[in-house]
Amino acid sequence: MTSFKRFGFTALSTAMAVSLTAQPVLAQRIKTEMPEDILPKPAAAKPAPAATKPATATTAPATSPAPATIPMQSPVNPASQQPLPGANGTVSEPVVQPIFLAEPVMSWSLADAKALLSTIEYIGKEGLLPADYQPAALKAAIAGGESDALDALASKVFAWLIEDLRDGRTPMEARVQWFAVDPDQDDMPTAQIMAQALSDHDVPGVVDKLAPTVPDYAALKAELATTPMANKAKRALIRANMDRWRWLARDLGDVYLLTNVPEFQLRLTVRNKIIRTYRTVVGKPGRTATPQLAETVTAVVFNPTWTVPQSIVQGEGLGQKVLNNPRWAKAAGYKATKGADGTIYVVQQPGPTNSLGLMKIDMPNPHAIYLHDTPAKQYFDEDVRAFSHGCIRTERAVELGMTMAILGAKMPAAEAADISRSGEYTKVEMTRTFPVYLTYFTIARSIDGELKQFNDIYGRDKPVLDSFTQPRQLKTTQRTSDEEIIELDNPL
């Protein structure tokens, strides 16, 4: 495990040692200044919001964060509407018909076309398939000399290569429960990359320009190079998981949280170095399986309340039970109110028995997925930890929340420790936001840095593997899975 001191994390390292029963004298010794150079710079300076406490948390339903805008699957208007709640806890979104991407056509010299052909012939090292990019047709076009036909073919197959290296080869329908929008095609447009490659006469450089920067991708690439051709199953699995990294942003950020669902681990990463890890409990297979997301940490909530979903309040009769059994409800921390229309709302108050535990990380998204603590600590001792309704239960969650408060809100470590022990609902807004990635890799570097294979607990490998046995599909403007969005706001 990398030392905190190496990154200047003196305050953070000390804060990790502050438990809920830490002595005041220890808190006094905590250094609170954090080095600026390890953190992403904010877009604009904003005054730090004060930690807030709800005025009516004990008498009214807690307000959930507004759902994040779902990116529209259109290059013209990628994020224009909020998702609309539908029946059965699902969220519907505007229907936008995906269209095929258009490849730019540029002028190719014979030297650049030959460089492209050579790049295609060796693209297998990146886990892609040379046959996808029509090497025989390109070779024939080169033999015919510079022409409009060569320009059209070379431009087309180079654009396909750019798209697959940047965004992944796997068609969207094979990316089960994939809702992480990859920004790379906006940040690195195909036409811009092609023009630069032709201007610099450096077609092979596109591989380095587009390959994911995480060490995990490099480890898979190295493993593919040393895996015998005869071991087709392993090579196919490596290719599939290399492609999964391309579904994400090429650069994940300077500081981020990432959980690999099949590994049941969460990692805090700084400059691609893992500095802290936490065991997790993830969604059960089926309707409550954890989706794959790329979201943003916007706040940390210490001693959270939990507004119980109506699927439990009404569907499981919790509302009437709370109203009819006040003694039991008080012991369990539940308070109920009845609206003018007769609807019963139930809020579980802060405390050690709260289903969210003592900490929740807000990362607004239409699935209502978040990271949180849990009173059911025994599940962290299981080898296969798929027990939740979709959210990510995190061990040592209070420690993680304090870390986010220190890094993301410049909160003094002693203050974060005091808030976590207060027993009162306190929401700490981030002044520096951090990405959080919920991923799904079945062969990957473990938290110990070793390449390992993980169980395909949700059966998401087969569609990806099958897609690599089929001809490459043309890319469309679709950016995420078109499966239904299920609100999984249920930590039980």
Protein backbone atom coordinates (compact mmCIF):
# COMPACT_ATOMS: atom_id res chain seq x y z
CA MET A 1 0.00 0.00 0.00
CA THR A 2 1.41 3.39 -0.97
CA SER A 3 2.28 5.64 1.93
CA PHE A 4 0.13 8.69 2.56
CA LYS A 5 3.27 10.67 3.40
CA ARG A 6 4.55 10.18 -0.13
CA PHE A 7 1.62 12.26 -1.40
CA GLY A 8 1.76 14.78 1.41
CA PHE A 9 -1.24 13.22 3.14
CA THR A 10 -0.02 13.96 6.68
CA ALA A 11 -3.37 15.35 7.79
CA LEU A 12 -5.33 12.62 6.06
CA SER A 13 -3.15 9.85 7.48
CA THR A 14 -3.63 11.23 10.97
CA ALA A 15 -7.37 11.56 10.45
CA MET A 16 -7.62 7.88 9.59
CA ALA A 17 -6.56 7.11 13.13
CA VAL A 18 -9.29 9.22 14.67
CA SER A 19 -12.07 6.83 15.68
CA LEU A 20 -15.52 7.75 16.89
CA THR A 21 -14.14 7.68 20.43
CA ALA A 22 -10.96 9.63 19.70
CA GLN A 23 -9.58 11.70 22.56
CA PRO A 24 -9.78 15.50 22.20
CA VAL A 25 -6.02 15.83 22.71
CA LEU A 26 -5.42 13.65 19.66
CA ALA A 27 -7.75 15.74 17.54
CA GLN A 28 -5.82 18.84 18.63
CA ARG A 29 -2.66 17.42 17.06
CA ILE A 30 -4.23 16.86 13.60
CA LYS A 31 -2.70 18.97 10.86
CA THR A 32 -5.35 20.46 8.60
CA GLU A 33 -3.54 21.90 5.59
CA MET A 34 -3.75 19.75 2.48
CA PRO A 35 -1.31 20.01 -0.45
CA GLU A 36 -2.93 21.71 -3.42
CA ASP A 37 -0.98 19.94 -6.13
CA ILE A 38 -2.61 16.52 -5.67
CA LEU A 39 -6.16 17.74 -6.11
CA PRO A 40 -8.05 18.68 -9.26
CA LYS A 41 -8.31 22.43 -9.57
CA PRO A 42 -11.91 23.74 -9.29
CA ALA A 43 -13.36 25.43 -12.33
CA ALA A 44 -14.01 28.61 -10.36
CA ALA A 45 -13.45 29.64 -6.80
CA LYS A 46 -16.60 29.44 -4.69
CA PRO A 47 -17.12 30.16 -1.00
CA ALA A 48 -17.11 26.95 1.01
CA PRO A 49 -20.70 26.05 1.95
CA ALA A 50 -21.25 25.52 5.62
CA ALA A 51 -22.17 22.09 6.87
CA THR A 52 -25.95 22.01 7.06
CA LYS A 53 -28.46 20.35 9.32
CA PRO A 54 -32.11 19.91 8.30
CA ALA A 55 -34.50 21.93 10.40
CA THR A 56 -37.25 19.34 10.29
CA ALA A 57 -35.39 16.07 9.92
CA THR A 58 -37.37 14.49 12.76
CA THR A 59 -40.82 15.51 11.56
CA ALA A 60 -40.82 15.42 7.76
CA PRO A 61 -39.47 13.21 5.01
CA ALA A 62 -35.86 13.89 4.17
CA THR A 63 -35.41 15.41 0.74
CA SER A 64 -33.44 13.22 -1.63
CA PRO A 65 -30.90 14.84 -3.95
CA ALA A 66 -32.27 15.90 -7.30
CA PRO A 67 -31.53 13.23 -9.90
CA ALA A 68 -28.72 13.95 -12.27
CA THR A 69 -29.59 14.90 -15.81
CA ILE A 70 -29.47 11.90 -18.12
CA PRO A 71 -27.35 12.66 -21.19
CA MET A 72 -29.47 12.58 -24.31
CA GLN A 73 -28.18 10.21 -26.94
CA SER A 74 -27.64 12.95 -29.46
CA PRO A 75 -24.50 14.89 -30.39
CA VAL A 76 -26.51 18.10 -30.73
CA ASN A 77 -28.20 18.14 -27.33
CA PRO A 78 -26.45 15.64 -25.04
CA ALA A 79 -27.96 16.75 -21.73
CA SER A 80 -31.17 18.70 -21.94
CA GLN A 81 -33.81 17.11 -19.70
CA GLN A 82 -34.23 15.64 -16.26
CA PRO A 83 -35.42 12.02 -16.11
CA LEU A 84 -39.10 11.58 -15.45
CA PRO A 85 -40.32 9.14 -12.79
CA GLY A 86 -42.41 6.34 -14.16
CA ALA A 87 -44.27 3.35 -12.82
CA ASN A 88 -42.71 0.64 -10.65
CA GLY A 89 -39.80 2.77 -9.52
CA THR A 90 -38.40 3.20 -13.02
CA VAL A 91 -37.32 6.38 -14.74
CA SER A 92 -38.23 7.14 -18.30
CA GLU A 93 -36.31 9.45 -20.56
CA PRO A 94 -37.00 11.16 -23.87
CA VAL A 95 -36.77 8.80 -26.81
CA VAL A 96 -34.04 9.88 -29.21
CA GLN A 97 -33.39 7.72 -32.22
CA PRO A 98 -29.64 6.99 -32.46
CA ILE A 99 -28.05 7.78 -35.81
CA PHE A 100 -24.89 6.34 -37.34
CA LEU A 101 -21.71 8.34 -36.89
CA ALA A 102 -20.37 9.94 -40.05
CA GLU A 103 -16.65 9.55 -40.75
CA PRO A 104 -14.78 12.56 -42.13
CA VAL A 105 -12.99 12.11 -45.47
CA MET A 106 -9.49 13.56 -45.72
CA SER A 107 -6.63 13.45 -48.21
CA TRP A 108 -4.14 10.59 -47.71
CA SER A 109 -0.60 10.30 -49.02
CA LEU A 110 0.70 6.84 -49.84
CA ALA A 111 3.14 7.06 -46.91
CA ASP A 112 0.36 7.81 -44.42
CA ALA A 113 -1.84 5.07 -45.88
CA LYS A 114 1.00 2.56 -45.56
CA ALA A 115 1.52 3.65 -41.95
CA LEU A 116 -2.19 3.08 -41.34
CA LEU A 117 -1.98 -0.41 -42.87
CA SER A 118 0.96 -1.28 -40.63
CA THR A 119 -0.90 0.03 -37.58
CA ILE A 120 -3.94 -2.10 -38.43
CA GLU A 121 -1.83 -5.23 -38.91
CA TYR A 122 -0.43 -4.88 -35.38
CA ILE A 123 -3.57 -3.59 -33.64
CA GLY A 124 -4.08 -6.97 -32.01
CA LYS A 125 -1.69 -5.85 -29.26
CA GLU A 126 -4.42 -3.43 -28.15
CA GLY A 127 -6.97 -6.22 -27.93
CA LEU A 128 -8.67 -5.27 -31.21
CA LEU A 129 -9.13 -7.35 -34.36
CA PRO A 130 -7.18 -6.37 -37.51
CA ALA A 131 -9.83 -7.85 -39.79
CA ASP A 132 -12.32 -5.20 -38.58
CA TYR A 133 -10.40 -2.51 -40.47
CA GLN A 134 -10.30 -4.09 -43.96
CA PRO A 135 -6.53 -4.51 -44.37
CA ALA A 136 -6.84 -6.40 -47.66
CA ALA A 137 -9.01 -3.69 -49.22
CA LEU A 138 -6.68 -0.99 -47.93
CA LYS A 139 -3.65 -2.78 -49.36
CA ALA A 140 -5.35 -2.97 -52.74
CA ALA A 141 -6.26 0.73 -52.62
CA ILE A 142 -2.65 1.63 -51.80
CA ALA A 143 -1.49 -0.40 -54.78
CA GLY A 144 -3.74 1.76 -56.96
CA GLY A 145 -1.97 4.94 -55.89
CA GLU A 146 -3.26 8.17 -54.41
CA SER A 147 -6.90 8.67 -55.37
CA ASP A 148 -10.33 9.62 -54.11
CA ALA A 149 -10.98 5.93 -53.49
CA LEU A 150 -7.92 5.67 -51.25
CA ASP A 151 -8.94 8.83 -49.38
CA ALA A 152 -12.43 7.45 -48.74
CA LEU A 153 -11.32 3.99 -47.61
CA ALA A 154 -8.37 5.11 -45.49
CA SER A 155 -10.48 7.79 -43.81
CA LYS A 156 -13.26 5.30 -43.07
CA VAL A 157 -11.13 2.58 -41.53
CA PHE A 158 -8.96 5.03 -39.61
CA ALA A 159 -12.11 6.61 -38.17
CA TRP A 160 -13.31 3.13 -37.13
CA LEU A 161 -9.96 2.52 -35.47
CA ILE A 162 -10.18 5.83 -33.62
CA GLU A 163 -13.72 5.08 -32.48
CA ASP A 164 -12.82 1.64 -31.17
CA LEU A 165 -9.63 2.74 -29.41
CA ARG A 166 -11.34 5.75 -27.87
CA ASP A 167 -14.84 4.44 -27.10
CA GLY A 168 -14.55 0.65 -27.22
CA ARG A 169 -15.45 -1.90 -29.88
CA THR A 170 -18.34 -3.49 -27.97
CA PRO A 171 -21.73 -2.36 -29.32
CA MET A 172 -23.97 -0.64 -26.81
CA GLU A 173 -26.55 -3.43 -26.67
CA ALA A 174 -23.85 -5.79 -25.37
CA ARG A 175 -22.94 -3.46 -22.50
CA VAL A 176 -25.43 -4.72 -19.94
CA GLN A 177 -26.56 -2.05 -17.42
CA TRP A 178 -23.93 0.35 -18.74
CA PHE A 179 -24.86 3.93 -17.81
CA ALA A 180 -21.43 5.60 -17.60
CA VAL A 181 -21.18 8.28 -20.29
CA ASP A 182 -17.68 8.35 -21.83
CA PRO A 183 -16.70 11.99 -22.58
CA ASP A 184 -13.78 11.12 -24.84
CA GLN A 185 -15.56 11.52 -28.17
CA ASP A 186 -16.47 15.06 -27.11
CA ASP A 187 -12.96 15.85 -25.85
CA MET A 188 -11.15 14.13 -28.73
CA PRO A 189 -13.35 14.33 -31.87
CA THR A 190 -12.55 11.90 -34.65
CA ALA A 191 -11.96 14.64 -37.23
CA GLN A 192 -9.54 16.45 -34.94
CA ILE A 193 -7.50 13.30 -34.26
CA MET A 194 -7.40 12.32 -37.94
CA ALA A 195 -6.36 15.80 -39.05
CA GLN A 196 -3.58 15.90 -36.45
CA ALA A 197 -2.30 12.43 -37.40
CA LEU A 198 -2.15 13.37 -41.09
CA SER A 199 -0.62 16.76 -40.39
CA ASP A 200 2.11 15.20 -38.24
CA HIS A 201 2.43 12.14 -40.49
CA ASP A 202 2.18 10.04 -37.32
CA VAL A 203 -0.72 7.64 -37.75
CA PRO A 204 0.71 5.08 -35.28
CA GLY A 205 0.78 7.77 -32.59
CA VAL A 206 -2.99 7.60 -32.36
CA VAL A 207 -2.68 4.38 -30.36
CA ASP A 208 -0.73 6.08 -27.59
CA LYS A 209 -2.98 9.13 -27.80
CA LEU A 210 -6.17 7.15 -27.25
CA ALA A 211 -5.20 4.27 -24.98
CA PRO A 212 -6.54 4.48 -21.39
CA THR A 213 -3.97 5.91 -18.98
CA VAL A 214 -4.79 3.68 -15.99
CA PRO A 215 -2.07 1.14 -15.08
CA ASP A 216 -4.76 -1.56 -15.11
CA TYR A 217 -5.09 -1.28 -18.89
CA ALA A 218 -1.32 -1.55 -19.35
CA ALA A 219 -1.31 -4.66 -17.12
CA LEU A 220 -3.97 -6.31 -19.28
CA LYS A 221 -2.10 -5.37 -22.44
CA ALA A 222 1.09 -6.95 -21.06
CA GLU A 223 -0.83 -10.08 -20.05
CA LEU A 224 -2.34 -10.37 -23.52
CA ALA A 225 1.15 -10.19 -25.04
CA THR A 226 2.36 -13.12 -22.93
CA THR A 227 -0.75 -15.31 -23.21
CA PRO A 228 -0.31 -18.10 -25.79
CA MET A 229 -2.45 -17.93 -28.91
CA ALA A 230 -3.70 -21.42 -28.07
CA ASN A 231 -5.33 -20.13 -24.88
CA LYS A 232 -8.24 -18.60 -26.76
CA ALA A 233 -10.58 -18.33 -23.79
CA LYS A 234 -8.17 -16.29 -21.69
CA ARG A 235 -7.18 -14.06 -24.59
CA ALA A 236 -10.86 -13.38 -25.32
CA LEU A 237 -11.52 -12.47 -21.70
CA ILE A 238 -8.51 -10.13 -21.62
CA ARG A 239 -9.70 -8.42 -24.82
CA ALA A 240 -13.19 -7.96 -23.38
CA ASN A 241 -11.85 -6.37 -20.21
CA MET A 242 -9.39 -4.15 -22.08
CA ASP A 243 -12.38 -2.91 -24.03
CA ARG A 244 -14.28 -2.17 -20.82
CA TRP A 245 -11.58 0.34 -19.85
CA ARG A 246 -12.18 2.11 -23.17
CA TRP A 247 -15.85 2.54 -22.24
CA LEU A 248 -14.68 4.95 -19.53
CA ALA A 249 -12.88 8.26 -19.82
CA ARG A 250 -9.30 7.84 -21.05
CA ASP A 251 -8.08 9.76 -18.00
CA LEU A 252 -10.09 9.02 -14.86
CA GLY A 253 -8.80 12.07 -13.00
CA ASP A 254 -6.15 12.91 -10.41
CA VAL A 255 -8.22 11.79 -7.43
CA TYR A 256 -11.13 9.38 -7.76
CA LEU A 257 -13.05 6.54 -6.17
CA LEU A 258 -13.45 3.31 -8.12
CA THR A 259 -15.18 0.09 -7.19
CA ASN A 260 -14.90 -3.09 -9.23
CA VAL A 261 -18.18 -4.80 -8.44
CA PRO A 262 -17.00 -8.43 -8.88
CA GLU A 263 -13.97 -7.74 -6.65
CA PHE A 264 -16.16 -6.34 -3.82
CA GLN A 265 -13.62 -3.58 -3.19
CA LEU A 266 -13.57 0.23 -3.33
CA ARG A 267 -10.32 2.08 -3.89
CA LEU A 268 -9.33 5.70 -3.30
CA THR A 269 -6.81 6.56 -6.00
CA VAL A 270 -4.47 9.53 -6.32
CA ARG A 271 -2.46 9.93 -9.51
CA ASN A 272 -3.19 6.31 -10.39
CA LYS A 273 -1.81 5.09 -7.06
CA ILE A 274 -4.15 3.24 -4.71
CA ILE A 275 -3.80 4.83 -1.28
CA ARG A 276 -6.77 3.33 0.56
CA THR A 277 -9.11 0.38 0.01
CA TYR A 278 -12.45 -0.63 1.49
CA ARG A 279 -14.41 -3.86 1.24
CA THR A 280 -17.87 -3.46 -0.25
CA VAL A 281 -21.24 -5.17 -0.40
CA VAL A 282 -22.90 -4.81 -3.81
CA GLY A 283 -26.29 -5.53 -5.36
CA LYS A 284 -27.77 -8.98 -5.54
CA PRO A 285 -27.91 -10.53 -9.04
CA GLY A 286 -31.11 -9.78 -10.90
CA ARG A 287 -33.21 -6.64 -10.78
CA THR A 288 -31.17 -5.16 -7.92
CA ALA A 289 -27.75 -5.73 -9.53
CA THR A 290 -25.50 -2.67 -9.23
CA PRO A 291 -25.39 -0.76 -12.55
CA GLN A 292 -22.17 0.62 -14.02
CA LEU A 293 -21.93 4.36 -13.49
CA ALA A 294 -19.55 7.30 -13.71
CA GLU A 295 -20.81 9.96 -11.32
CA THR A 296 -19.53 12.79 -9.11
CA VAL A 297 -19.20 13.03 -5.35
CA THR A 298 -21.07 16.22 -4.43
CA ALA A 299 -21.47 15.88 -0.65
CA VAL A 300 -20.84 13.71 2.37
CA VAL A 301 -23.66 13.18 4.85
CA PHE A 302 -22.71 12.22 8.39
CA ASN A 303 -25.41 10.62 10.54
CA PRO A 304 -27.86 10.50 7.63
CA THR A 305 -31.59 10.06 7.70
CA TRP A 306 -33.22 7.56 5.35
CA THR A 307 -36.49 8.29 3.62
CA VAL A 308 -37.94 4.82 3.14
CA PRO A 309 -39.12 4.11 -0.44
CA GLN A 310 -42.85 3.71 -0.97
CA SER A 311 -42.18 0.19 -2.22
CA ILE A 312 -41.41 -0.63 1.42
CA VAL A 313 -43.72 1.88 3.13
CA GLN A 314 -46.77 0.70 1.20
CA GLY A 315 -45.68 -2.48 -0.52
CA GLU A 316 -44.31 -4.12 2.62
CA GLY A 317 -46.64 -2.40 5.09
CA LEU A 318 -43.95 -0.52 7.01
CA GLY A 319 -46.02 2.67 7.13
CA GLN A 320 -48.92 1.11 9.03
CA LYS A 321 -46.53 -0.82 11.25
CA VAL A 322 -44.80 2.40 12.31
CA LEU A 323 -48.12 4.16 12.97
CA ASN A 324 -49.60 1.20 14.85
CA ASN A 325 -46.53 0.36 16.94
CA PRO A 326 -45.04 3.61 18.26
CA ARG A 327 -42.83 1.86 20.84
CA TRP A 328 -41.29 -0.41 18.23
CA ALA A 329 -40.97 2.49 15.79
CA LYS A 330 -39.09 4.60 18.34
CA ALA A 331 -36.69 1.76 19.11
CA ALA A 332 -36.04 1.27 15.38
CA GLY A 333 -35.65 5.02 14.81
CA TYR A 334 -38.64 5.36 12.45
CA LYS A 335 -40.95 8.37 12.33
CA ALA A 336 -44.03 8.52 10.14
CA THR A 337 -46.15 11.36 8.82
CA LYS A 338 -49.34 11.15 6.79
CA GLY A 339 -49.96 13.52 3.91
CA ALA A 340 -53.26 15.21 3.11
CA ASP A 341 -53.92 12.55 0.49
CA GLY A 342 -53.38 9.77 3.03
CA THR A 343 -49.92 8.84 1.82
CA ILE A 344 -47.68 7.68 4.64
CA TYR A 345 -44.06 8.84 4.66
CA VAL A 346 -41.50 7.12 6.86
CA VAL A 347 -38.08 8.53 7.77
CA GLN A 348 -35.51 6.61 9.74
CA GLN A 349 -33.66 8.98 12.03
CA PRO A 350 -29.85 9.18 12.47
CA GLY A 351 -28.26 6.58 14.66
CA PRO A 352 -26.24 3.37 14.69
CA THR A 353 -29.26 1.29 13.62
CA ASN A 354 -30.04 3.51 10.62
CA SER A 355 -30.00 1.44 7.44
CA LEU A 356 -27.48 3.89 5.96
CA GLY A 357 -25.27 3.59 9.01
CA LEU A 358 -23.33 6.71 10.02
CA MET A 359 -22.26 8.03 6.58
CA LYS A 360 -23.57 8.44 3.06
CA ILE A 361 -21.75 9.80 0.00
CA ASP A 362 -24.02 11.73 -2.34
CA MET A 363 -23.37 11.09 -6.03
CA PRO A 364 -26.62 12.23 -7.73
CA ASN A 365 -27.86 9.88 -10.42
CA PRO A 366 -31.26 8.70 -11.67
CA HIS A 367 -30.65 5.21 -10.26
CA ALA A 368 -30.50 6.60 -6.69
CA ILE A 369 -27.25 4.66 -6.14
CA TYR A 370 -24.78 5.86 -3.52
CA LEU A 371 -22.00 4.71 -1.21
CA HIS A 372 -22.96 4.31 2.42
CA ASP A 373 -22.24 2.75 5.80
CA THR A 374 -24.31 -0.10 7.21
CA PRO A 375 -25.15 -1.50 10.65
CA ALA A 376 -24.87 -5.01 9.16
CA LYS A 377 -21.09 -5.23 9.38
CA GLN A 378 -21.09 -9.03 9.36
CA TYR A 379 -21.55 -9.15 5.60
CA PHE A 380 -18.09 -7.67 5.04
CA ASP A 381 -16.63 -10.98 6.26
CA GLU A 382 -18.24 -12.96 3.42
CA ASP A 383 -16.18 -13.92 0.37
CA VAL A 384 -19.01 -13.20 -2.08
CA ARG A 385 -20.62 -9.95 -0.96
CA ALA A 386 -23.65 -9.45 -3.22
CA PHE A 387 -26.46 -8.79 -0.75
CA SER A 388 -27.66 -5.22 -1.28
CA HIS A 389 -30.49 -3.69 -3.33
CA GLY A 390 -27.99 -1.97 -5.63
CA CYS A 391 -26.22 0.60 -3.47
CA ILE A 392 -22.62 0.09 -2.37
CA ARG A 393 -22.22 -0.63 1.33
CA THR A 394 -18.71 0.36 2.37
CA GLU A 395 -16.64 -0.79 5.32
CA ARG A 396 -14.97 1.88 7.48
CA ALA A 397 -17.40 4.28 5.88
CA VAL A 398 -16.97 7.01 8.48
CA GLU A 399 -13.25 7.03 7.75
CA LEU A 400 -14.03 7.36 4.05
CA GLY A 401 -16.48 10.18 4.73
CA MET A 402 -13.91 12.07 6.79
CA THR A 403 -11.39 11.64 3.98
CA MET A 404 -13.81 13.11 1.45
CA ALA A 405 -14.63 16.01 3.79
CA ILE A 406 -10.93 16.79 4.23
CA LEU A 407 -10.06 16.49 0.53
CA GLY A 408 -13.28 17.83 -0.95
CA ALA A 409 -14.34 20.56 1.47
CA LYS A 410 -10.97 21.47 3.07
CA MET A 411 -12.55 20.60 6.39
CA PRO A 412 -10.13 20.37 9.32
CA ALA A 413 -9.71 16.76 10.34
CA ALA A 414 -10.68 17.48 13.94
CA GLU A 415 -13.94 19.09 12.79
CA ALA A 416 -14.74 16.12 10.55
CA ALA A 417 -14.13 13.78 13.49
CA ASP A 418 -16.38 15.87 15.76
CA ILE A 419 -19.20 15.95 13.20
CA SER A 420 -19.02 12.20 12.66
CA ARG A 421 -19.40 11.64 16.42
CA SER A 422 -22.15 14.21 16.94
CA GLY A 423 -25.07 11.91 16.15
CA GLU A 424 -26.70 14.79 14.25
CA TYR A 425 -27.50 14.90 10.53
CA THR A 426 -24.79 16.99 8.89
CA LYS A 427 -24.31 17.43 5.15
CA VAL A 428 -20.87 18.59 4.02
CA GLU A 429 -20.95 19.97 0.48
CA MET A 430 -17.90 19.43 -1.68
CA THR A 431 -16.03 22.49 -2.93
CA ARG A 432 -13.86 20.14 -4.99
CA THR A 433 -15.80 17.34 -6.59
CA PHE A 434 -14.39 13.89 -7.29
CA PRO A 435 -15.42 11.29 -9.85
CA VAL A 436 -16.62 7.92 -8.65
CA TYR A 437 -16.71 4.93 -10.97
CA LEU A 438 -18.82 1.81 -10.48
CA THR A 439 -17.17 -0.66 -12.83
CA TYR A 440 -17.33 -4.33 -13.78
CA PHE A 441 -14.11 -6.16 -14.63
CA THR A 442 -13.73 -9.93 -14.52
CA ILE A 443 -9.98 -9.93 -15.07
CA ALA A 444 -8.15 -6.97 -13.62
CA ARG A 445 -5.51 -5.80 -11.22
CA SER A 446 -6.68 -6.47 -7.70
CA ILE A 447 -6.23 -3.94 -4.90
CA ASP A 448 -2.88 -5.67 -4.26
CA GLY A 449 -1.71 -4.89 -7.78
CA GLU A 450 -1.85 -8.49 -9.00
CA LEU A 451 -3.78 -9.44 -12.13
CA LYS A 452 -6.62 -11.72 -11.04
CA GLN A 453 -9.79 -13.22 -12.46
CA PHE A 454 -13.07 -12.48 -10.67
CA ASN A 455 -16.38 -14.31 -10.82
CA ASP A 456 -18.85 -12.96 -13.38
CA ILE A 457 -21.52 -12.57 -10.70
CA TYR A 458 -24.03 -10.83 -12.99
CA GLY A 459 -23.34 -12.78 -16.20
CA ARG A 460 -22.20 -9.66 -18.05
CA ASP A 461 -19.23 -11.25 -19.83
CA LYS A 462 -21.08 -13.31 -22.43
CA PRO A 463 -22.60 -10.43 -24.45
CA VAL A 464 -19.18 -8.74 -24.67
CA LEU A 465 -17.37 -11.95 -25.59
CA ASP A 466 -20.02 -12.80 -28.18
CA SER A 467 -19.70 -9.35 -29.76
CA PHE A 468 -16.01 -9.98 -30.44
CA THR A 469 -16.91 -13.09 -32.45
CA GLN A 470 -19.18 -11.02 -34.73
CA PRO A 471 -18.25 -8.42 -37.37
CA ARG A 472 -17.68 -4.94 -36.04
CA GLN A 473 -20.89 -2.91 -35.82
CA LEU A 474 -21.09 0.68 -37.03
CA LYS A 475 -21.12 3.19 -34.18
CA THR A 476 -24.17 5.29 -33.44
CA THR A 477 -24.77 8.34 -31.28
CA GLN A 478 -26.08 6.13 -28.46
CA ARG A 479 -23.98 6.73 -25.33
CA THR A 480 -25.48 4.41 -22.68
CA SER A 481 -27.58 1.28 -22.41
CA ASP A 482 -31.22 1.72 -23.37
CA GLU A 483 -32.34 -0.64 -20.60
CA GLU A 484 -34.81 0.72 -18.07
CA ILE A 485 -33.42 2.84 -15.26
CA ILE A 486 -34.46 1.36 -11.93
CA GLU A 487 -34.43 3.51 -8.80
CA LEU A 488 -32.56 1.38 -6.26
CA ASP A 489 -32.76 3.72 -3.25
CA ASN A 490 -32.83 0.87 -0.78
CA PRO A 491 -29.85 0.14 1.49
CA LEU A 492 -31.42 -3.01 2.97
